[in-house]
Amino acid sequence: MAVKLSNNVAGQLGGPVSDINVTPLVDVMLVLLIVFMVAAPLMASGVKVDLPASNAKPLKEEKLPIAVSLDGEGKIYVDKNEVSKASLVAVLKQASEGDLERRINIRGDKALAYGKVIETMGEINDAGYSKIALVSEPSKQ
């Protein structure tokens, strides 16, 4: 008489067990989930930075960078000439002679809202310029 054994019965009788125990895998995944849930907000917060003053050393460039300045009222200047927001990209292309690798320094007034500086930086970046820097004054310490 042949007895047909299932996998569980075979395991109890000393035969091979084909069931996989997933409990340790689930435990490890839950621990990793908790670690990432705790660490994610810490990575997004960043570090407080005082942009208007720093101890950064000036960059050495072969070509002089183009200066884009924003005064306290939000007016935009390329070098020392006032330009409208609509003509900023055209003036930059003319000043850089079409060189999209030319460095552009953005000088934002301390009293100006940070969003205006970032908005101008985004417009310059959308025009194809990738070397954009924020300029700050050296700290007085």
N, C-alpha and C. Protein backbone atom coordinates (compact mmCIF):
# COMPACT_ATOMS: atom_id res chain seq x y z
N MET A 1 0.84 -1.15 0.00
CA MET A 1 0.00 0.00 0.00
C MET A 1 0.89 1.23 0.00
N ALA A 2 0.66 2.09 -0.99
CA ALA A 2 1.46 3.30 -1.11
C ALA A 2 0.78 4.44 -0.39
N VAL A 3 1.56 5.12 0.42
CA VAL A 3 1.02 6.26 1.17
C VAL A 3 1.50 7.54 0.49
N LYS A 4 0.58 8.38 0.16
CA LYS A 4 0.92 9.64 -0.48
C LYS A 4 1.09 10.69 0.62
N LEU A 5 2.27 11.30 0.66
CA LEU A 5 2.56 12.28 1.71
C LEU A 5 2.59 13.68 1.11
N SER A 6 2.04 14.63 1.84
CA SER A 6 2.14 16.02 1.40
C SER A 6 3.48 16.57 1.88
N ASN A 7 3.83 17.77 1.44
CA ASN A 7 5.11 18.37 1.82
C ASN A 7 5.22 18.56 3.33
N ASN A 8 4.16 18.99 3.97
CA ASN A 8 4.21 19.20 5.41
C ASN A 8 4.42 17.90 6.16
N VAL A 9 3.73 16.84 5.72
CA VAL A 9 3.88 15.55 6.38
C VAL A 9 5.29 15.01 6.14
N ALA A 10 5.83 15.27 4.92
CA ALA A 10 7.17 14.80 4.62
C ALA A 10 8.18 15.51 5.51
N GLY A 11 7.96 16.80 5.78
CA GLY A 11 8.87 17.54 6.65
C GLY A 11 8.82 17.02 8.07
N GLN A 12 7.67 16.60 8.52
CA GLN A 12 7.55 16.07 9.88
C GLN A 12 8.19 14.70 9.98
N LEU A 13 8.24 13.98 8.89
CA LEU A 13 8.83 12.66 8.92
C LEU A 13 10.33 12.68 8.61
N GLY A 14 10.92 13.89 8.47
CA GLY A 14 12.36 13.98 8.24
C GLY A 14 12.74 14.16 6.79
N GLY A 15 11.77 14.28 5.90
CA GLY A 15 12.06 14.49 4.49
C GLY A 15 12.30 15.97 4.19
N PRO A 16 12.54 16.29 2.95
CA PRO A 16 12.81 17.69 2.59
C PRO A 16 11.54 18.54 2.72
N VAL A 17 11.74 19.82 3.10
CA VAL A 17 10.63 20.76 3.26
C VAL A 17 10.74 21.77 2.12
N SER A 18 9.65 21.96 1.39
CA SER A 18 9.70 22.89 0.27
C SER A 18 9.03 24.23 0.59
N ASP A 19 8.51 24.43 1.78
CA ASP A 19 7.91 25.70 2.17
C ASP A 19 9.01 26.69 2.56
N ILE A 20 8.85 27.95 2.13
CA ILE A 20 9.82 28.99 2.46
C ILE A 20 9.27 29.80 3.63
N ASN A 21 10.11 30.01 4.62
CA ASN A 21 9.73 30.80 5.78
C ASN A 21 10.01 32.28 5.45
N VAL A 22 8.97 33.06 5.24
CA VAL A 22 9.13 34.46 4.86
C VAL A 22 9.10 35.41 6.06
N THR A 23 8.93 34.90 7.24
CA THR A 23 8.86 35.76 8.43
C THR A 23 10.12 36.60 8.62
N PRO A 24 11.34 36.03 8.52
CA PRO A 24 12.52 36.89 8.67
C PRO A 24 12.62 37.97 7.58
N LEU A 25 12.20 37.65 6.36
CA LEU A 25 12.22 38.63 5.28
C LEU A 25 11.27 39.78 5.59
N VAL A 26 10.08 39.48 6.06
CA VAL A 26 9.11 40.51 6.41
C VAL A 26 9.64 41.37 7.56
N ASP A 27 10.28 40.74 8.54
CA ASP A 27 10.84 41.49 9.67
C ASP A 27 11.91 42.49 9.19
N VAL A 28 12.79 42.05 8.32
CA VAL A 28 13.85 42.92 7.80
C VAL A 28 13.24 44.06 7.00
N MET A 29 12.26 43.78 6.17
CA MET A 29 11.62 44.82 5.36
C MET A 29 10.92 45.85 6.23
N LEU A 30 10.27 45.43 7.30
CA LEU A 30 9.60 46.37 8.19
C LEU A 30 10.62 47.27 8.92
N VAL A 31 11.73 46.70 9.32
CA VAL A 31 12.78 47.50 9.96
C VAL A 31 13.34 48.53 8.99
N LEU A 32 13.60 48.12 7.74
CA LEU A 32 14.10 49.06 6.74
C LEU A 32 13.08 50.16 6.45
N LEU A 33 11.81 49.80 6.40
CA LEU A 33 10.77 50.79 6.16
C LEU A 33 10.76 51.84 7.26
N ILE A 34 10.87 51.40 8.50
CA ILE A 34 10.88 52.33 9.64
C ILE A 34 12.12 53.22 9.59
N VAL A 35 13.27 52.65 9.26
CA VAL A 35 14.50 53.45 9.18
C VAL A 35 14.37 54.53 8.11
N PHE A 36 13.84 54.19 6.94
CA PHE A 36 13.69 55.18 5.88
C PHE A 36 12.62 56.22 6.22
N MET A 37 11.57 55.82 6.92
CA MET A 37 10.54 56.78 7.32
C MET A 37 11.09 57.79 8.31
N VAL A 38 11.99 57.37 9.18
CA VAL A 38 12.59 58.29 10.15
C VAL A 38 13.65 59.15 9.49
N ALA A 39 14.43 58.59 8.57
CA ALA A 39 15.55 59.32 7.97
C ALA A 39 15.12 60.28 6.86
N ALA A 40 14.03 60.03 6.17
CA ALA A 40 13.61 60.85 5.03
C ALA A 40 13.39 62.32 5.40
N PRO A 41 12.68 62.65 6.47
CA PRO A 41 12.50 64.07 6.79
C PRO A 41 13.81 64.76 7.16
N LEU A 42 14.75 64.05 7.70
CA LEU A 42 16.03 64.65 8.07
C LEU A 42 16.84 65.02 6.84
N MET A 43 16.74 64.24 5.77
CA MET A 43 17.48 64.52 4.55
C MET A 43 16.88 65.70 3.80
N ALA A 44 15.58 65.90 3.88
CA ALA A 44 14.91 66.95 3.12
C ALA A 44 15.06 68.32 3.76
N SER A 45 15.30 68.40 5.06
CA SER A 45 15.31 69.69 5.73
C SER A 45 16.52 70.53 5.36
N GLY A 46 17.67 69.93 5.16
CA GLY A 46 18.86 70.69 4.77
C GLY A 46 19.48 71.44 5.93
N VAL A 47 20.41 72.31 5.59
CA VAL A 47 21.15 73.09 6.57
C VAL A 47 20.85 74.56 6.36
N LYS A 48 20.70 75.31 7.43
CA LYS A 48 20.48 76.75 7.29
C LYS A 48 21.73 77.40 6.74
N VAL A 49 21.55 78.24 5.71
CA VAL A 49 22.68 78.87 5.04
C VAL A 49 22.42 80.37 4.97
N ASP A 50 23.43 81.16 5.27
CA ASP A 50 23.35 82.61 5.15
C ASP A 50 24.02 83.01 3.85
N LEU A 51 23.25 83.17 2.79
CA LEU A 51 23.81 83.43 1.47
C LEU A 51 24.46 84.80 1.29
N PRO A 52 23.94 85.87 1.88
CA PRO A 52 24.54 87.17 1.59
C PRO A 52 25.98 87.32 2.03
N ALA A 53 26.47 86.54 2.97
CA ALA A 53 27.87 86.67 3.40
C ALA A 53 28.47 85.28 3.54
N SER A 54 29.70 85.10 3.05
CA SER A 54 30.38 83.82 3.19
C SER A 54 31.88 84.02 3.11
N ASN A 55 32.62 82.99 3.42
CA ASN A 55 34.08 83.02 3.35
C ASN A 55 34.60 82.33 2.09
N ALA A 56 33.74 82.17 1.09
CA ALA A 56 34.13 81.47 -0.13
C ALA A 56 35.17 82.28 -0.89
N LYS A 57 36.12 81.56 -1.47
CA LYS A 57 37.16 82.21 -2.27
C LYS A 57 36.62 82.45 -3.67
N PRO A 58 37.01 83.54 -4.30
CA PRO A 58 36.52 83.81 -5.66
C PRO A 58 37.02 82.78 -6.65
N LEU A 59 36.20 82.52 -7.67
CA LEU A 59 36.57 81.57 -8.71
C LEU A 59 37.51 82.23 -9.71
N LYS A 60 38.42 81.45 -10.26
CA LYS A 60 39.33 81.96 -11.28
C LYS A 60 38.80 81.53 -12.63
N GLU A 61 38.47 82.50 -13.45
CA GLU A 61 37.88 82.24 -14.77
C GLU A 61 38.76 82.86 -15.85
N GLU A 62 38.80 82.23 -17.01
CA GLU A 62 39.51 82.80 -18.15
C GLU A 62 38.73 83.99 -18.70
N LYS A 63 37.43 83.82 -18.88
CA LYS A 63 36.57 84.90 -19.34
C LYS A 63 35.86 85.48 -18.12
N LEU A 64 35.67 86.77 -18.12
CA LEU A 64 34.95 87.39 -17.03
C LEU A 64 33.50 86.94 -17.04
N PRO A 65 32.94 86.62 -15.89
CA PRO A 65 31.54 86.20 -15.85
C PRO A 65 30.61 87.38 -16.12
N ILE A 66 29.41 87.07 -16.55
CA ILE A 66 28.39 88.09 -16.78
C ILE A 66 27.65 88.29 -15.46
N ALA A 67 27.50 89.53 -15.04
CA ALA A 67 26.84 89.83 -13.78
C ALA A 67 25.38 90.18 -14.03
N VAL A 68 24.49 89.42 -13.39
CA VAL A 68 23.06 89.73 -13.41
C VAL A 68 22.71 90.16 -11.99
N SER A 69 22.22 91.40 -11.86
CA SER A 69 21.93 91.94 -10.54
C SER A 69 20.45 92.20 -10.40
N LEU A 70 19.94 91.96 -9.19
CA LEU A 70 18.55 92.27 -8.86
C LEU A 70 18.57 93.22 -7.67
N ASP A 71 17.99 94.42 -7.84
CA ASP A 71 18.01 95.37 -6.74
C ASP A 71 16.85 95.08 -5.78
N GLY A 72 16.72 95.91 -4.75
CA GLY A 72 15.70 95.69 -3.73
C GLY A 72 14.27 95.78 -4.25
N GLU A 73 14.06 96.45 -5.38
CA GLU A 73 12.73 96.58 -5.96
C GLU A 73 12.43 95.49 -6.97
N GLY A 74 13.41 94.65 -7.28
CA GLY A 74 13.21 93.55 -8.23
C GLY A 74 13.61 93.89 -9.65
N LYS A 75 14.21 95.05 -9.88
CA LYS A 75 14.67 95.41 -11.22
C LYS A 75 15.89 94.57 -11.57
N ILE A 76 15.98 94.16 -12.85
CA ILE A 76 17.06 93.28 -13.31
C ILE A 76 18.07 94.10 -14.09
N TYR A 77 19.34 93.86 -13.82
CA TYR A 77 20.43 94.53 -14.52
C TYR A 77 21.38 93.47 -15.06
N VAL A 78 21.82 93.61 -16.30
CA VAL A 78 22.89 92.79 -16.86
C VAL A 78 24.10 93.70 -16.94
N ASP A 79 25.14 93.34 -16.23
CA ASP A 79 26.28 94.20 -15.96
C ASP A 79 25.71 95.46 -15.29
N LYS A 80 25.72 96.63 -15.93
CA LYS A 80 25.16 97.82 -15.28
C LYS A 80 23.96 98.37 -16.02
N ASN A 81 23.46 97.63 -17.00
CA ASN A 81 22.34 98.09 -17.82
C ASN A 81 21.05 97.43 -17.37
N GLU A 82 20.02 98.24 -17.12
CA GLU A 82 18.73 97.68 -16.71
C GLU A 82 18.05 97.03 -17.91
N VAL A 83 17.50 95.84 -17.68
CA VAL A 83 16.78 95.12 -18.74
C VAL A 83 15.43 94.68 -18.19
N SER A 84 14.50 94.46 -19.09
CA SER A 84 13.20 93.94 -18.65
C SER A 84 13.30 92.43 -18.49
N LYS A 85 12.35 91.88 -17.77
CA LYS A 85 12.33 90.44 -17.55
C LYS A 85 12.19 89.68 -18.87
N ALA A 86 11.41 90.25 -19.79
CA ALA A 86 11.18 89.60 -21.08
C ALA A 86 12.42 89.59 -21.97
N SER A 87 13.27 90.61 -21.84
CA SER A 87 14.45 90.68 -22.71
C SER A 87 15.72 90.16 -22.06
N LEU A 88 15.61 89.59 -20.85
CA LEU A 88 16.79 89.12 -20.14
C LEU A 88 17.57 88.08 -20.94
N VAL A 89 16.89 87.07 -21.46
CA VAL A 89 17.56 85.98 -22.18
C VAL A 89 18.25 86.51 -23.44
N ALA A 90 17.58 87.40 -24.17
CA ALA A 90 18.17 87.94 -25.40
C ALA A 90 19.43 88.76 -25.08
N VAL A 91 19.39 89.53 -24.02
CA VAL A 91 20.56 90.34 -23.63
C VAL A 91 21.70 89.42 -23.18
N LEU A 92 21.38 88.35 -22.47
CA LEU A 92 22.42 87.40 -22.04
C LEU A 92 23.07 86.71 -23.23
N LYS A 93 22.27 86.33 -24.21
CA LYS A 93 22.83 85.68 -25.40
C LYS A 93 23.76 86.62 -26.14
N GLN A 94 23.40 87.89 -26.18
CA GLN A 94 24.25 88.87 -26.84
C GLN A 94 25.53 89.10 -26.03
N ALA A 95 25.42 89.20 -24.70
CA ALA A 95 26.58 89.44 -23.85
C ALA A 95 27.54 88.26 -23.83
N SER A 96 26.98 87.04 -23.91
CA SER A 96 27.83 85.84 -23.87
C SER A 96 28.29 85.40 -25.25
N GLU A 97 27.84 86.11 -26.27
CA GLU A 97 28.17 85.78 -27.66
C GLU A 97 27.76 84.35 -28.01
N GLY A 98 26.64 83.91 -27.43
CA GLY A 98 26.11 82.57 -27.71
C GLY A 98 26.80 81.44 -26.96
N ASP A 99 27.77 81.76 -26.10
CA ASP A 99 28.50 80.74 -25.35
C ASP A 99 27.69 80.33 -24.12
N LEU A 100 27.03 79.17 -24.18
CA LEU A 100 26.20 78.70 -23.07
C LEU A 100 27.03 78.21 -21.89
N GLU A 101 28.34 78.06 -22.05
CA GLU A 101 29.22 77.64 -20.96
C GLU A 101 29.79 78.82 -20.19
N ARG A 102 29.44 80.02 -20.56
CA ARG A 102 29.93 81.22 -19.88
C ARG A 102 29.28 81.31 -18.51
N ARG A 103 30.07 81.63 -17.50
CA ARG A 103 29.56 81.73 -16.14
C ARG A 103 28.73 82.99 -15.99
N ILE A 104 27.60 82.84 -15.26
CA ILE A 104 26.73 83.96 -14.97
C ILE A 104 26.62 84.08 -13.45
N ASN A 105 26.97 85.25 -12.94
CA ASN A 105 26.88 85.51 -11.50
C ASN A 105 25.61 86.29 -11.21
N ILE A 106 24.80 85.77 -10.30
CA ILE A 106 23.58 86.45 -9.91
C ILE A 106 23.81 87.12 -8.56
N ARG A 107 23.56 88.43 -8.54
CA ARG A 107 23.72 89.22 -7.32
C ARG A 107 22.34 89.70 -6.91
N GLY A 108 21.80 89.12 -5.86
CA GLY A 108 20.48 89.50 -5.37
C GLY A 108 20.58 90.36 -4.13
N ASP A 109 19.81 91.44 -4.09
CA ASP A 109 19.80 92.32 -2.94
C ASP A 109 19.31 91.55 -1.71
N LYS A 110 19.87 91.89 -0.57
CA LYS A 110 19.52 91.21 0.68
C LYS A 110 18.04 91.38 1.02
N ALA A 111 17.47 92.53 0.67
CA ALA A 111 16.08 92.82 1.00
C ALA A 111 15.09 92.16 0.03
N LEU A 112 15.57 91.67 -1.09
CA LEU A 112 14.70 91.06 -2.11
C LEU A 112 14.27 89.67 -1.66
N ALA A 113 13.05 89.32 -1.99
CA ALA A 113 12.55 87.98 -1.66
C ALA A 113 13.36 86.93 -2.41
N TYR A 114 13.71 85.85 -1.71
CA TYR A 114 14.55 84.80 -2.27
C TYR A 114 13.90 84.17 -3.50
N GLY A 115 12.59 84.12 -3.53
CA GLY A 115 11.88 83.54 -4.66
C GLY A 115 12.14 84.27 -5.96
N LYS A 116 12.29 85.59 -5.90
CA LYS A 116 12.58 86.37 -7.11
C LYS A 116 13.94 86.01 -7.68
N VAL A 117 14.92 85.80 -6.80
CA VAL A 117 16.26 85.42 -7.25
C VAL A 117 16.21 84.04 -7.91
N ILE A 118 15.52 83.11 -7.28
CA ILE A 118 15.43 81.75 -7.80
C ILE A 118 14.64 81.74 -9.11
N GLU A 119 13.60 82.57 -9.22
CA GLU A 119 12.83 82.66 -10.47
C GLU A 119 13.72 83.15 -11.61
N THR A 120 14.53 84.16 -11.35
CA THR A 120 15.45 84.67 -12.38
C THR A 120 16.49 83.61 -12.73
N MET A 121 16.98 82.91 -11.73
CA MET A 121 17.96 81.84 -11.96
C MET A 121 17.34 80.74 -12.83
N GLY A 122 16.09 80.42 -12.60
CA GLY A 122 15.40 79.41 -13.40
C GLY A 122 15.24 79.82 -14.85
N GLU A 123 14.93 81.10 -15.08
CA GLU A 123 14.79 81.59 -16.45
C GLU A 123 16.12 81.51 -17.19
N ILE A 124 17.21 81.84 -16.50
CA ILE A 124 18.53 81.77 -17.12
C ILE A 124 18.89 80.33 -17.43
N ASN A 125 18.57 79.44 -16.51
CA ASN A 125 18.85 78.02 -16.71
C ASN A 125 18.01 77.45 -17.85
N ASP A 126 16.76 77.87 -17.94
CA ASP A 126 15.89 77.41 -19.03
C ASP A 126 16.41 77.86 -20.39
N ALA A 127 17.16 78.95 -20.42
CA ALA A 127 17.73 79.45 -21.68
C ALA A 127 18.94 78.63 -22.12
N GLY A 128 19.40 77.70 -21.25
CA GLY A 128 20.51 76.83 -21.63
C GLY A 128 21.80 77.07 -20.88
N TYR A 129 21.84 78.08 -20.04
CA TYR A 129 23.06 78.36 -19.27
C TYR A 129 23.09 77.46 -18.04
N SER A 130 24.20 76.76 -17.85
CA SER A 130 24.30 75.83 -16.73
C SER A 130 25.27 76.29 -15.65
N LYS A 131 26.13 77.21 -15.97
CA LYS A 131 27.10 77.70 -14.98
C LYS A 131 26.59 79.00 -14.37
N ILE A 132 25.73 78.83 -13.37
CA ILE A 132 25.12 79.98 -12.70
C ILE A 132 25.55 79.96 -11.25
N ALA A 133 25.99 81.11 -10.74
CA ALA A 133 26.47 81.18 -9.36
C ALA A 133 25.78 82.33 -8.64
N LEU A 134 25.53 82.14 -7.34
CA LEU A 134 25.02 83.20 -6.50
C LEU A 134 26.20 83.89 -5.84
N VAL A 135 26.22 85.21 -5.90
CA VAL A 135 27.33 85.98 -5.36
C VAL A 135 26.97 86.47 -3.98
N SER A 136 27.93 86.41 -3.06
CA SER A 136 27.75 86.92 -1.71
C SER A 136 28.91 87.81 -1.33
N GLU A 137 28.72 88.60 -0.31
CA GLU A 137 29.81 89.45 0.19
C GLU A 137 30.64 88.66 1.17
N PRO A 138 31.93 88.97 1.27
CA PRO A 138 32.74 88.31 2.29
C PRO A 138 32.26 88.70 3.68
N SER A 139 32.30 87.77 4.61
CA SER A 139 31.85 88.08 5.96
C SER A 139 32.85 89.04 6.62
N LYS A 140 32.37 89.81 7.56
CA LYS A 140 33.20 90.85 8.19
C LYS A 140 33.83 90.37 9.48
N GLN A 141 34.04 89.09 9.60
CA GLN A 141 34.64 88.54 10.83
C GLN A 141 36.12 88.43 10.69
